[in-house]
């Protein structure tokens, strides 16, 4: 009986090798370092790079907010809101850089300097832009809804979209625009040290809360909003922020210890509240991260959420003490 020939053995093929994907920890470290270099470099280099960096940051944060609202079914005017947010940020920046708060409004000596005409020419258009945004913003947004209404297969009332668009500017863009008040609060020129100090305080609050929460945390702070946060972590963050407030005397020796500790207390209290507010926002619309611009870190709204509660209080404190 004939037998079929044995099959010819095929040469063994080596399994395809692929480069293992970068771990989540490595991504966090890499993009964290890149982000920190861009942040600190833009703040340190000049007032213009500071304004450009944070102007783009706040616009991206606003876009992430609108993105989450679209996930919830709303249709806010994202492009229009982003454009108006840049007008708001730029107007407040120019008002501060022109010495409107610390100079023209508080001292006639500023008008005797060689740059007084330049300052005055800058103040008027910036102030007018601020008035336009403040007074006409609701009207502009309502006109946009009138133009696009009615929408098919969309049962969200148009005025709800207007409210969401306004909320984004009040919740995100206005607080971030107040960074200029902090940057120009100590003198008539830009002082990058004050932004560095604010960043160090916020980071101290985060690090202290994380370390104390991991090692000692037992009592939940707000379990329905952020189950990972504990009262022990909050106390740890508060204490480390106060310690940083004391240490900032080496960076800003002209500021009294009392003032530095007050600012540190504001950061330690309102920073975690801003974080909780954003956590509540994400849970309410069922999203994990506000965005994906920084792999391993989420969105910019996740990174700067503490600023949204801290900056209005610091600006108010500065206005009172000035």
C-alpha atoms as a PDB file:
ATOM      1  CA  UNK A   1       0.000   0.000   0.000  1.00  0.00           C
ATOM      2  CA  UNK A   2       1.623   3.268  -1.045  1.00  0.00           C
ATOM      3  CA  UNK A   3       2.291   5.765   1.627  1.00  0.00           C
ATOM      4  CA  UNK A   4       2.073   9.508   1.201  1.00  0.00           C
ATOM      5  CA  UNK A   5       5.348  11.356   1.464  1.00  0.00           C
ATOM      6  CA  UNK A   6       6.115  12.937   4.763  1.00  0.00           C
ATOM      7  CA  UNK A   7       5.437  16.645   4.826  1.00  0.00           C
ATOM      8  CA  UNK A   8       8.426  18.817   4.252  1.00  0.00           C
ATOM      9  CA  UNK A   9       9.377  20.443   7.535  1.00  0.00           C
ATOM     10  CA  UNK A  10       8.967  24.184   7.502  1.00  0.00           C
ATOM     11  CA  UNK A  11      11.711  26.347   8.925  1.00  0.00           C
ATOM     12  CA  UNK A  12      10.888  27.604  12.354  1.00  0.00           C
ATOM     13  CA  UNK A  13       9.900  31.233  12.371  1.00  0.00           C
ATOM     14  CA  UNK A  14      10.925  33.398  15.235  1.00  0.00           C
ATOM     15  CA  UNK A  15       8.097  35.161  16.972  1.00  0.00           C
ATOM     16  CA  UNK A  16       7.749  38.774  16.007  1.00  0.00           C
ATOM     17  CA  UNK A  17       9.207  41.003  18.610  1.00  0.00           C
ATOM     18  CA  UNK A  18       7.579  44.282  19.405  1.00  0.00           C
ATOM     19  CA  UNK A  19       8.754  47.032  21.628  1.00  0.00           C
ATOM     20  CA  UNK A  20       6.867  46.842  24.918  1.00  0.00           C
ATOM     21  CA  UNK A  21       4.576  49.780  25.464  1.00  0.00           C
ATOM     22  CA  UNK A  22       5.649  52.428  27.899  1.00  0.00           C
ATOM     23  CA  UNK A  23       4.294  51.772  31.377  1.00  0.00           C
ATOM     24  CA  UNK A  24       1.806  54.143  32.924  1.00  0.00           C
ATOM     25  CA  UNK A  25       4.359  55.201  35.557  1.00  0.00           C
ATOM     26  CA  UNK A  26       6.958  55.957  32.881  1.00  0.00           C
ATOM     27  CA  UNK A  27       4.388  57.994  30.949  1.00  0.00           C
ATOM     28  CA  UNK A  28       3.476  59.956  34.050  1.00  0.00           C
ATOM     29  CA  UNK A  29       7.129  60.716  34.785  1.00  0.00           C
ATOM     30  CA  UNK A  30       8.030  61.639  31.196  1.00  0.00           C
ATOM     31  CA  UNK A  31       5.073  63.880  30.497  1.00  0.00           C
ATOM     32  CA  UNK A  32       5.182  65.269  34.022  1.00  0.00           C
ATOM     33  CA  UNK A  33       8.769  66.411  33.465  1.00  0.00           C
ATOM     34  CA  UNK A  34       7.941  67.871  30.041  1.00  0.00           C
ATOM     35  CA  UNK A  35       4.929  69.703  31.451  1.00  0.00           C
ATOM     36  CA  UNK A  36       6.903  71.048  34.417  1.00  0.00           C
ATOM     37  CA  UNK A  37       9.693  72.337  32.143  1.00  0.00           C
ATOM     38  CA  UNK A  38       7.202  74.120  29.876  1.00  0.00           C
ATOM     39  CA  UNK A  39       5.314  75.541  32.848  1.00  0.00           C
ATOM     40  CA  UNK A  40       8.293  76.775  34.852  1.00  0.00           C
ATOM     41  CA  UNK A  41      10.183  77.928  31.763  1.00  0.00           C
ATOM     42  CA  UNK A  42       7.311  80.038  30.460  1.00  0.00           C
ATOM     43  CA  UNK A  43       6.716  81.583  33.881  1.00  0.00           C
ATOM     44  CA  UNK A  44      10.394  82.370  34.405  1.00  0.00           C
ATOM     45  CA  UNK A  45      11.305  83.636  30.924  1.00  0.00           C
ATOM     46  CA  UNK A  46       9.040  86.678  30.604  1.00  0.00           C
ATOM     47  CA  UNK A  47       5.602  88.105  31.219  1.00  0.00           C
ATOM     48  CA  UNK A  48       4.679  87.447  27.582  1.00  0.00           C
ATOM     49  CA  UNK A  49       5.541  83.746  27.731  1.00  0.00           C
ATOM     50  CA  UNK A  50       3.642  83.505  31.021  1.00  0.00           C
ATOM     51  CA  UNK A  51       0.568  85.070  29.435  1.00  0.00           C
ATOM     52  CA  UNK A  52       0.807  82.977  26.271  1.00  0.00           C
ATOM     53  CA  UNK A  53       1.215  79.722  28.185  1.00  0.00           C
ATOM     54  CA  UNK A  54      -1.604  80.260  30.651  1.00  0.00           C
ATOM     55  CA  UNK A  55      -3.857  81.848  28.054  1.00  0.00           C
ATOM     56  CA  UNK A  56      -3.659  78.650  26.035  1.00  0.00           C
ATOM     57  CA  UNK A  57      -3.955  76.532  29.181  1.00  0.00           C
ATOM     58  CA  UNK A  58      -7.170  78.189  30.315  1.00  0.00           C
ATOM     59  CA  UNK A  59      -8.654  77.928  26.819  1.00  0.00           C
ATOM     60  CA  UNK A  60      -7.852  74.206  26.736  1.00  0.00           C
ATOM     61  CA  UNK A  61      -9.340  73.800  30.224  1.00  0.00           C
ATOM     62  CA  UNK A  62     -12.518  75.500  29.045  1.00  0.00           C
ATOM     63  CA  UNK A  63     -12.667  73.217  26.008  1.00  0.00           C
ATOM     64  CA  UNK A  64     -12.367  70.189  28.323  1.00  0.00           C
ATOM     65  CA  UNK A  65     -15.208  71.539  30.442  1.00  0.00           C
ATOM     66  CA  UNK A  66     -17.397  71.979  27.362  1.00  0.00           C
ATOM     67  CA  UNK A  67     -16.412  68.496  26.197  1.00  0.00           C
ATOM     68  CA  UNK A  68     -17.696  67.014  29.450  1.00  0.00           C
ATOM     69  CA  UNK A  69     -20.898  69.010  29.129  1.00  0.00           C
ATOM     70  CA  UNK A  70     -21.386  67.671  25.604  1.00  0.00           C
ATOM     71  CA  UNK A  71     -20.965  64.194  27.067  1.00  0.00           C
ATOM     72  CA  UNK A  72     -23.913  65.044  29.336  1.00  0.00           C
ATOM     73  CA  UNK A  73     -26.038  66.067  26.327  1.00  0.00           C
ATOM     74  CA  UNK A  74     -25.534  69.825  26.259  1.00  0.00           C
ATOM     75  CA  UNK A  75     -24.261  71.750  23.245  1.00  0.00           C
ATOM     76  CA  UNK A  76     -22.467  74.848  24.537  1.00  0.00           C
ATOM     77  CA  UNK A  77     -20.861  77.299  22.129  1.00  0.00           C
ATOM     78  CA  UNK A  78     -17.332  75.934  22.546  1.00  0.00           C
ATOM     79  CA  UNK A  79     -15.596  77.966  19.821  1.00  0.00           C
ATOM     80  CA  UNK A  80     -17.321  81.195  20.789  1.00  0.00           C
ATOM     81  CA  UNK A  81     -16.712  80.559  24.481  1.00  0.00           C
ATOM     82  CA  UNK A  82     -13.027  79.850  23.831  1.00  0.00           C
ATOM     83  CA  UNK A  83     -12.612  83.065  21.846  1.00  0.00           C
ATOM     84  CA  UNK A  84     -14.331  85.120  24.536  1.00  0.00           C
ATOM     85  CA  UNK A  85     -12.214  83.467  27.214  1.00  0.00           C
ATOM     86  CA  UNK A  86      -9.050  84.598  25.425  1.00  0.00           C
ATOM     87  CA  UNK A  87     -10.405  88.148  25.264  1.00  0.00           C
ATOM     88  CA  UNK A  88     -11.098  88.012  29.002  1.00  0.00           C
ATOM     89  CA  UNK A  89      -7.661  86.597  29.861  1.00  0.00           C
ATOM     90  CA  UNK A  90      -5.840  89.066  27.603  1.00  0.00           C
ATOM     91  CA  UNK A  91      -7.792  92.075  28.899  1.00  0.00           C
ATOM     92  CA  UNK A  92      -7.068  91.280  32.553  1.00  0.00           C
ATOM     93  CA  UNK A  93      -3.417  90.619  31.730  1.00  0.00           C
ATOM     94  CA  UNK A  94      -3.017  93.987  30.004  1.00  0.00           C
ATOM     95  CA  UNK A  95      -4.825  95.809  32.795  1.00  0.00           C
ATOM     96  CA  UNK A  96      -2.393  94.344  35.307  1.00  0.00           C
ATOM     97  CA  UNK A  97       0.724  94.769  33.171  1.00  0.00           C
ATOM     98  CA  UNK A  98      -0.195  98.389  32.476  1.00  0.00           C
ATOM     99  CA  UNK A  99      -0.190  99.147  36.158  1.00  0.00           C
ATOM    100  CA  UNK A 100      -3.957  99.727  36.306  1.00  0.00           C
ATOM    101  CA  UNK A 101      -4.396  97.988  39.645  1.00  0.00           C
ATOM    102  CA  UNK A 102      -1.074  98.738  41.345  1.00  0.00           C
ATOM    103  CA  UNK A 103      -0.209 101.979  39.604  1.00  0.00           C
ATOM    104  CA  UNK A 104      -2.754 104.174  37.851  1.00  0.00           C
ATOM    105  CA  UNK A 105      -5.568 103.397  40.277  1.00  0.00           C
ATOM    106  CA  UNK A 106      -3.391 103.748  43.354  1.00  0.00           C
ATOM    107  CA  UNK A 107      -0.568 106.190  42.649  1.00  0.00           C
ATOM    108  CA  UNK A 108      -0.212 109.273  40.490  1.00  0.00           C
ATOM    109  CA  UNK A 109       3.556 108.771  40.549  1.00  0.00           C
ATOM    110  CA  UNK A 110       3.169 106.155  37.859  1.00  0.00           C
ATOM    111  CA  UNK A 111       1.978 108.816  35.453  1.00  0.00           C
ATOM    112  CA  UNK A 112       5.308 110.606  35.793  1.00  0.00           C
ATOM    113  CA  UNK A 113       7.342 107.741  34.359  1.00  0.00           C
ATOM    114  CA  UNK A 114       8.553 107.588  30.760  1.00  0.00           C
ATOM    115  CA  UNK A 115       6.274 104.639  30.046  1.00  0.00           C
ATOM    116  CA  UNK A 116       3.115 106.367  31.209  1.00  0.00           C
ATOM    117  CA  UNK A 117       1.778 107.075  27.720  1.00  0.00           C
ATOM    118  CA  UNK A 118       2.347 103.465  26.666  1.00  0.00           C
ATOM    119  CA  UNK A 119       0.565 102.262  29.790  1.00  0.00           C
ATOM    120  CA  UNK A 120      -2.395 104.559  29.242  1.00  0.00           C
ATOM    121  CA  UNK A 121      -2.689 103.505  25.597  1.00  0.00           C
ATOM    122  CA  UNK A 122      -2.763  99.873  26.738  1.00  0.00           C
ATOM    123  CA  UNK A 123      -5.303 100.357  29.507  1.00  0.00           C
ATOM    124  CA  UNK A 124      -8.154 101.781  27.447  1.00  0.00           C
ATOM    125  CA  UNK A 125      -8.574  98.964  24.873  1.00  0.00           C
ATOM    126  CA  UNK A 126      -8.047  96.319  27.543  1.00  0.00           C
ATOM    127  CA  UNK A 127     -10.665  97.902  29.763  1.00  0.00           C
ATOM    128  CA  UNK A 128     -13.090  98.228  26.862  1.00  0.00           C
ATOM    129  CA  UNK A 129     -12.580  94.565  25.930  1.00  0.00           C
ATOM    130  CA  UNK A 130     -13.336  93.577  29.502  1.00  0.00           C
ATOM    131  CA  UNK A 131     -16.585  95.561  29.434  1.00  0.00           C
ATOM    132  CA  UNK A 132     -17.600  93.960  26.145  1.00  0.00           C
ATOM    133  CA  UNK A 133     -17.117  90.458  27.512  1.00  0.00           C
ATOM    134  CA  UNK A 134     -18.831  91.243  30.818  1.00  0.00           C
ATOM    135  CA  UNK A 135     -21.865  93.089  29.435  1.00  0.00           C
ATOM    136  CA  UNK A 136     -22.454  91.471  26.056  1.00  0.00           C
ATOM    137  CA  UNK A 137     -21.484  87.865  26.759  1.00  0.00           C
ATOM    138  CA  UNK A 138     -25.021  86.642  27.615  1.00  0.00           C
ATOM    139  CA  UNK A 139     -26.457  88.474  24.604  1.00  0.00           C
ATOM    140  CA  UNK A 140     -23.848  87.025  22.253  1.00  0.00           C
ATOM    141  CA  UNK A 141     -24.487  83.493  23.486  1.00  0.00           C
ATOM    142  CA  UNK A 142     -28.267  83.872  23.233  1.00  0.00           C
ATOM    143  CA  UNK A 143     -27.973  85.212  19.677  1.00  0.00           C
ATOM    144  CA  UNK A 144     -25.914  82.155  18.811  1.00  0.00           C
ATOM    145  CA  UNK A 145     -28.679  79.894  20.134  1.00  0.00           C
ATOM    146  CA  UNK A 146     -31.298  81.831  18.195  1.00  0.00           C
ATOM    147  CA  UNK A 147     -29.300  81.358  15.005  1.00  0.00           C
ATOM    148  CA  UNK A 148     -28.953  77.579  15.415  1.00  0.00           C
ATOM    149  CA  UNK A 149     -32.357  76.801  16.978  1.00  0.00           C
ATOM    150  CA  UNK A 150     -34.247  74.514  16.647  1.00  0.00           C
ATOM    151  CA  UNK A 151     -31.939  71.521  16.528  1.00  0.00           C
ATOM    152  CA  UNK A 152     -33.084  68.143  15.313  1.00  0.00           C
ATOM    153  CA  UNK A 153     -33.027  65.253  17.776  1.00  0.00           C
ATOM    154  CA  UNK A 154     -31.936  67.510  20.575  1.00  0.00           C
ATOM    155  CA  UNK A 155     -34.213  68.090  23.527  1.00  0.00           C
ATOM    156  CA  UNK A 156     -31.916  70.315  25.627  1.00  0.00           C
ATOM    157  CA  UNK A 157     -33.477  73.795  25.939  1.00  0.00           C
ATOM    158  CA  UNK A 158     -31.364  76.479  24.244  1.00  0.00           C
ATOM    159  CA  UNK A 159     -31.075  78.550  27.421  1.00  0.00           C
ATOM    160  CA  UNK A 160     -29.529  75.532  29.159  1.00  0.00           C
ATOM    161  CA  UNK A 161     -26.740  75.692  26.577  1.00  0.00           C
ATOM    162  CA  UNK A 162     -26.322  79.393  27.278  1.00  0.00           C
ATOM    163  CA  UNK A 163     -26.095  78.658  30.997  1.00  0.00           C
ATOM    164  CA  UNK A 164     -23.475  75.960  30.478  1.00  0.00           C
ATOM    165  CA  UNK A 165     -21.404  78.249  28.238  1.00  0.00           C
ATOM    166  CA  UNK A 166     -21.547  81.042  30.835  1.00  0.00           C
ATOM    167  CA  UNK A 167     -20.732  78.620  33.648  1.00  0.00           C
ATOM    168  CA  UNK A 168     -17.605  77.461  31.842  1.00  0.00           C
ATOM    169  CA  UNK A 169     -16.282  81.019  31.555  1.00  0.00           C
ATOM    170  CA  UNK A 170     -17.122  81.814  35.190  1.00  0.00           C
ATOM    171  CA  UNK A 171     -15.837  78.498  36.542  1.00  0.00           C
ATOM    172  CA  UNK A 172     -12.686  78.144  34.405  1.00  0.00           C
ATOM    173  CA  UNK A 173     -11.655  81.230  32.439  1.00  0.00           C
ATOM    174  CA  UNK A 174     -12.287  83.988  34.962  1.00  0.00           C
ATOM    175  CA  UNK A 175     -10.353  82.330  37.828  1.00  0.00           C
ATOM    176  CA  UNK A 176      -7.432  81.434  35.550  1.00  0.00           C
ATOM    177  CA  UNK A 177      -7.389  85.010  34.233  1.00  0.00           C
ATOM    178  CA  UNK A 178      -6.818  86.188  37.806  1.00  0.00           C
ATOM    179  CA  UNK A 179      -3.329  84.683  37.693  1.00  0.00           C
ATOM    180  CA  UNK A 180      -2.234  88.053  36.326  1.00  0.00           C
ATOM    181  CA  UNK A 181      -3.372  89.692  39.572  1.00  0.00           C
ATOM    182  CA  UNK A 182      -1.004  87.403  41.463  1.00  0.00           C
ATOM    183  CA  UNK A 183       1.853  87.884  38.986  1.00  0.00           C
ATOM    184  CA  UNK A 184       1.686  91.698  39.111  1.00  0.00           C
ATOM    185  CA  UNK A 185       0.537  92.144  42.695  1.00  0.00           C
ATOM    186  CA  UNK A 186       3.876  92.912  44.314  1.00  0.00           C
ATOM    187  CA  UNK A 187       5.288  95.568  42.027  1.00  0.00           C
ATOM    188  CA  UNK A 188       4.589  97.484  38.846  1.00  0.00           C
ATOM    189  CA  UNK A 189       6.370  94.835  36.768  1.00  0.00           C
ATOM    190  CA  UNK A 190       5.897  91.123  36.341  1.00  0.00           C
ATOM    191  CA  UNK A 191       7.249  89.008  39.205  1.00  0.00           C
ATOM    192  CA  UNK A 192       7.680  85.354  38.281  1.00  0.00           C
ATOM    193  CA  UNK A 193       8.585  84.477  41.884  1.00  0.00           C
ATOM    194  CA  UNK A 194       4.989  84.881  42.976  1.00  0.00           C
ATOM    195  CA  UNK A 195       3.774  82.336  40.432  1.00  0.00           C
ATOM    196  CA  UNK A 196       6.580  79.987  41.480  1.00  0.00           C
ATOM    197  CA  UNK A 197       5.485  80.430  45.093  1.00  0.00           C
ATOM    198  CA  UNK A 198       1.872  79.632  44.232  1.00  0.00           C
ATOM    199  CA  UNK A 199       2.924  76.498  42.350  1.00  0.00           C
ATOM    200  CA  UNK A 200       5.097  75.349  45.252  1.00  0.00           C
ATOM    201  CA  UNK A 201       2.208  75.809  47.679  1.00  0.00           C
ATOM    202  CA  UNK A 202      -0.219  73.861  45.475  1.00  0.00           C
ATOM    203  CA  UNK A 203       2.290  71.054  44.959  1.00  0.00           C
ATOM    204  CA  UNK A 204       3.002  70.943  48.701  1.00  0.00           C
ATOM    205  CA  UNK A 205      -0.710  70.583  49.397  1.00  0.00           C
ATOM    206  CA  UNK A 206      -0.979  67.701  46.924  1.00  0.00           C
ATOM    207  CA  UNK A 207       2.165  65.910  48.127  1.00  0.00           C
ATOM    208  CA  UNK A 208       1.319  66.296  51.808  1.00  0.00           C
ATOM    209  CA  UNK A 209      -2.233  65.053  51.279  1.00  0.00           C
ATOM    210  CA  UNK A 210      -1.057  62.074  49.226  1.00  0.00           C
ATOM    211  CA  UNK A 211       1.683  61.032  51.673  1.00  0.00           C
ATOM    212  CA  UNK A 212      -0.454  61.407  54.798  1.00  0.00           C
ATOM    213  CA  UNK A 213      -3.466  59.785  53.147  1.00  0.00           C
ATOM    214  CA  UNK A 214      -1.454  56.756  52.028  1.00  0.00           C
ATOM    215  CA  UNK A 215       0.215  56.192  55.393  1.00  0.00           C
ATOM    216  CA  UNK A 216      -2.392  57.349  57.911  1.00  0.00           C
ATOM    217  CA  UNK A 217      -5.662  57.756  56.021  1.00  0.00           C
ATOM    218  CA  UNK A 218      -8.656  56.034  57.606  1.00  0.00           C
ATOM    219  CA  UNK A 219     -11.509  58.553  57.739  1.00  0.00           C
ATOM    220  CA  UNK A 220     -13.036  59.433  54.365  1.00  0.00           C
ATOM    221  CA  UNK A 221     -13.322  63.124  53.568  1.00  0.00           C
ATOM    222  CA  UNK A 222     -16.001  62.970  50.851  1.00  0.00           C
ATOM    223  CA  UNK A 223     -16.593  59.303  49.964  1.00  0.00           C
ATOM    224  CA  UNK A 224     -19.416  59.969  47.503  1.00  0.00           C
ATOM    225  CA  UNK A 225     -17.301  62.435  45.515  1.00  0.00           C
ATOM    226  CA  UNK A 226     -13.711  61.216  45.877  1.00  0.00           C
ATOM    227  CA  UNK A 227     -13.345  57.961  47.850  1.00  0.00           C
ATOM    228  CA  UNK A 228      -9.552  58.225  47.969  1.00  0.00           C
ATOM    229  CA  UNK A 229      -9.431  61.458  49.960  1.00  0.00           C
ATOM    230  CA  UNK A 230      -9.223  61.295  53.751  1.00  0.00           C
ATOM    231  CA  UNK A 231      -9.254  63.743  56.635  1.00  0.00           C
ATOM    232  CA  UNK A 232      -5.749  62.604  57.583  1.00  0.00           C
ATOM    233  CA  UNK A 233      -4.587  63.465  54.081  1.00  0.00           C
ATOM    234  CA  UNK A 234      -6.239  66.884  54.303  1.00  0.00           C
ATOM    235  CA  UNK A 235      -4.430  67.614  57.577  1.00  0.00           C
ATOM    236  CA  UNK A 236      -1.119  66.416  56.124  1.00  0.00           C
ATOM    237  CA  UNK A 237      -1.563  68.635  53.098  1.00  0.00           C
ATOM    238  CA  UNK A 238      -2.464  71.594  55.297  1.00  0.00           C
ATOM    239  CA  UNK A 239       0.626  71.205  57.501  1.00  0.00           C
ATOM    240  CA  UNK A 240       3.062  70.753  54.608  1.00  0.00           C
ATOM    241  CA  UNK A 241       1.573  73.788  52.841  1.00  0.00           C
ATOM    242  CA  UNK A 242       2.075  75.905  55.964  1.00  0.00           C
ATOM    243  CA  UNK A 243       5.672  74.669  56.165  1.00  0.00           C
ATOM    244  CA  UNK A 244       6.189  75.699  52.541  1.00  0.00           C
ATOM    245  CA  UNK A 245       4.630  79.086  53.326  1.00  0.00           C
ATOM    246  CA  UNK A 246       7.304  79.568  55.990  1.00  0.00           C
ATOM    247  CA  UNK A 247      10.083  78.396  53.644  1.00  0.00           C
ATOM    248  CA  UNK A 248       8.966  80.844  50.939  1.00  0.00           C
ATOM    249  CA  UNK A 249      10.609  83.577  53.008  1.00  0.00           C
ATOM    250  CA  UNK A 250      13.815  82.633  51.186  1.00  0.00           C
ATOM    251  CA  UNK A 251      12.155  83.206  47.794  1.00  0.00           C
ATOM    252  CA  UNK A 252      10.083  86.263  48.737  1.00  0.00           C
ATOM    253  CA  UNK A 253      11.824  87.887  51.719  1.00  0.00           C
ATOM    254  CA  UNK A 254       9.817  91.099  51.285  1.00  0.00           C
ATOM    255  CA  UNK A 255       6.615  89.302  52.304  1.00  0.00           C
ATOM    256  CA  UNK A 256       5.891  89.024  56.006  1.00  0.00           C
ATOM    257  CA  UNK A 257       5.545  85.623  57.649  1.00  0.00           C
ATOM    258  CA  UNK A 258       1.927  86.409  58.517  1.00  0.00           C
ATOM    259  CA  UNK A 259       1.040  87.129  54.898  1.00  0.00           C
ATOM    260  CA  UNK A 260       2.828  84.015  53.653  1.00  0.00           C
ATOM    261  CA  UNK A 261       1.016  81.814  56.158  1.00  0.00           C
ATOM    262  CA  UNK A 262      -2.344  83.363  55.265  1.00  0.00           C
ATOM    263  CA  UNK A 263      -1.743  82.644  51.573  1.00  0.00           C
ATOM    264  CA  UNK A 264      -0.601  79.122  52.446  1.00  0.00           C
ATOM    265  CA  UNK A 265      -3.793  78.612  54.449  1.00  0.00           C
ATOM    266  CA  UNK A 266      -5.896  79.767  51.502  1.00  0.00           C
ATOM    267  CA  UNK A 267      -4.143  77.279  49.221  1.00  0.00           C
ATOM    268  CA  UNK A 268      -4.405  74.447  51.763  1.00  0.00           C
ATOM    269  CA  UNK A 269      -8.157  74.959  52.248  1.00  0.00           C
ATOM    270  CA  UNK A 270      -9.435  76.011  48.835  1.00  0.00           C
ATOM    271  CA  UNK A 271      -7.114  73.834  46.734  1.00  0.00           C
ATOM    272  CA  UNK A 272      -8.672  70.538  47.896  1.00  0.00           C
ATOM    273  CA  UNK A 273     -12.141  72.093  47.519  1.00  0.00           C
ATOM    274  CA  UNK A 274     -11.356  72.876  43.885  1.00  0.00           C
ATOM    275  CA  UNK A 275     -10.196  69.300  43.401  1.00  0.00           C
ATOM    276  CA  UNK A 276     -13.408  67.954  44.957  1.00  0.00           C
ATOM    277  CA  UNK A 277     -15.525  70.243  42.785  1.00  0.00           C
ATOM    278  CA  UNK A 278     -13.918  68.903  39.625  1.00  0.00           C
ATOM    279  CA  UNK A 279     -14.290  65.323  40.876  1.00  0.00           C
ATOM    280  CA  UNK A 280     -17.991  65.984  41.429  1.00  0.00           C
ATOM    281  CA  UNK A 281     -18.221  67.403  37.907  1.00  0.00           C
ATOM    282  CA  UNK A 282     -16.628  64.302  36.374  1.00  0.00           C
ATOM    283  CA  UNK A 283     -18.827  61.933  38.352  1.00  0.00           C
ATOM    284  CA  UNK A 284     -21.954  63.865  37.412  1.00  0.00           C
ATOM    285  CA  UNK A 285     -21.237  63.417  33.687  1.00  0.00           C
ATOM    286  CA  UNK A 286     -19.673  59.939  34.050  1.00  0.00           C
ATOM    287  CA  UNK A 287     -16.158  60.603  32.729  1.00  0.00           C
ATOM    288  CA  UNK A 288     -12.855  59.474  34.245  1.00  0.00           C
ATOM    289  CA  UNK A 289     -10.567  62.276  33.057  1.00  0.00           C
ATOM    290  CA  UNK A 290     -11.289  65.727  31.701  1.00  0.00           C
ATOM    291  CA  UNK A 291      -9.020  65.119  28.708  1.00  0.00           C
ATOM    292  CA  UNK A 292      -6.103  63.180  27.268  1.00  0.00           C
ATOM    293  CA  UNK A 293      -3.604  65.905  26.446  1.00  0.00           C
ATOM    294  CA  UNK A 294      -1.104  64.518  28.990  1.00  0.00           C
ATOM    295  CA  UNK A 295      -0.846  60.702  28.919  1.00  0.00           C
ATOM    296  CA  UNK A 296      -0.844  59.388  32.462  1.00  0.00           C
ATOM    297  CA  UNK A 297      -2.067  62.722  33.851  1.00  0.00           C
ATOM    298  CA  UNK A 298      -5.469  63.249  32.238  1.00  0.00           C
ATOM    299  CA  UNK A 299      -6.449  66.704  31.059  1.00  0.00           C
ATOM    300  CA  UNK A 300      -5.336  70.185  32.019  1.00  0.00           C
ATOM    301  CA  UNK A 301      -8.530  70.683  34.001  1.00  0.00           C
ATOM    302  CA  UNK A 302      -7.435  67.721  36.125  1.00  0.00           C
ATOM    303  CA  UNK A 303      -4.035  69.361  36.690  1.00  0.00           C
ATOM    304  CA  UNK A 304      -5.182  72.919  37.461  1.00  0.00           C
ATOM    305  CA  UNK A 305      -8.543  72.311  39.165  1.00  0.00           C
ATOM    306  CA  UNK A 306      -7.226  73.588  42.508  1.00  0.00           C
ATOM    307  CA  UNK A 307      -6.439  76.984  40.918  1.00  0.00           C
ATOM    308  CA  UNK A 308     -10.116  77.554  40.115  1.00  0.00           C
ATOM    309  CA  UNK A 309     -10.952  77.956  43.813  1.00  0.00           C
ATOM    310  CA  UNK A 310      -7.643  79.380  45.008  1.00  0.00           C
ATOM    311  CA  UNK A 311      -7.209  82.274  42.580  1.00  0.00           C
ATOM    312  CA  UNK A 312     -10.485  84.146  43.249  1.00  0.00           C
ATOM    313  CA  UNK A 313      -9.732  84.102  46.989  1.00  0.00           C
ATOM    314  CA  UNK A 314      -6.129  85.239  46.489  1.00  0.00           C
ATOM    315  CA  UNK A 315      -7.229  88.024  44.136  1.00  0.00           C
ATOM    316  CA  UNK A 316      -9.818  89.186  46.670  1.00  0.00           C
ATOM    317  CA  UNK A 317      -7.193  89.036  49.422  1.00  0.00           C
ATOM    318  CA  UNK A 318      -4.814  91.112  47.317  1.00  0.00           C
ATOM    319  CA  UNK A 319      -7.478  93.709  46.554  1.00  0.00           C
ATOM    320  CA  UNK A 320      -8.373  94.016  50.248  1.00  0.00           C
ATOM    321  CA  UNK A 321      -4.789  94.303  51.431  1.00  0.00           C
ATOM    322  CA  UNK A 322      -3.765  96.722  48.694  1.00  0.00           C
END
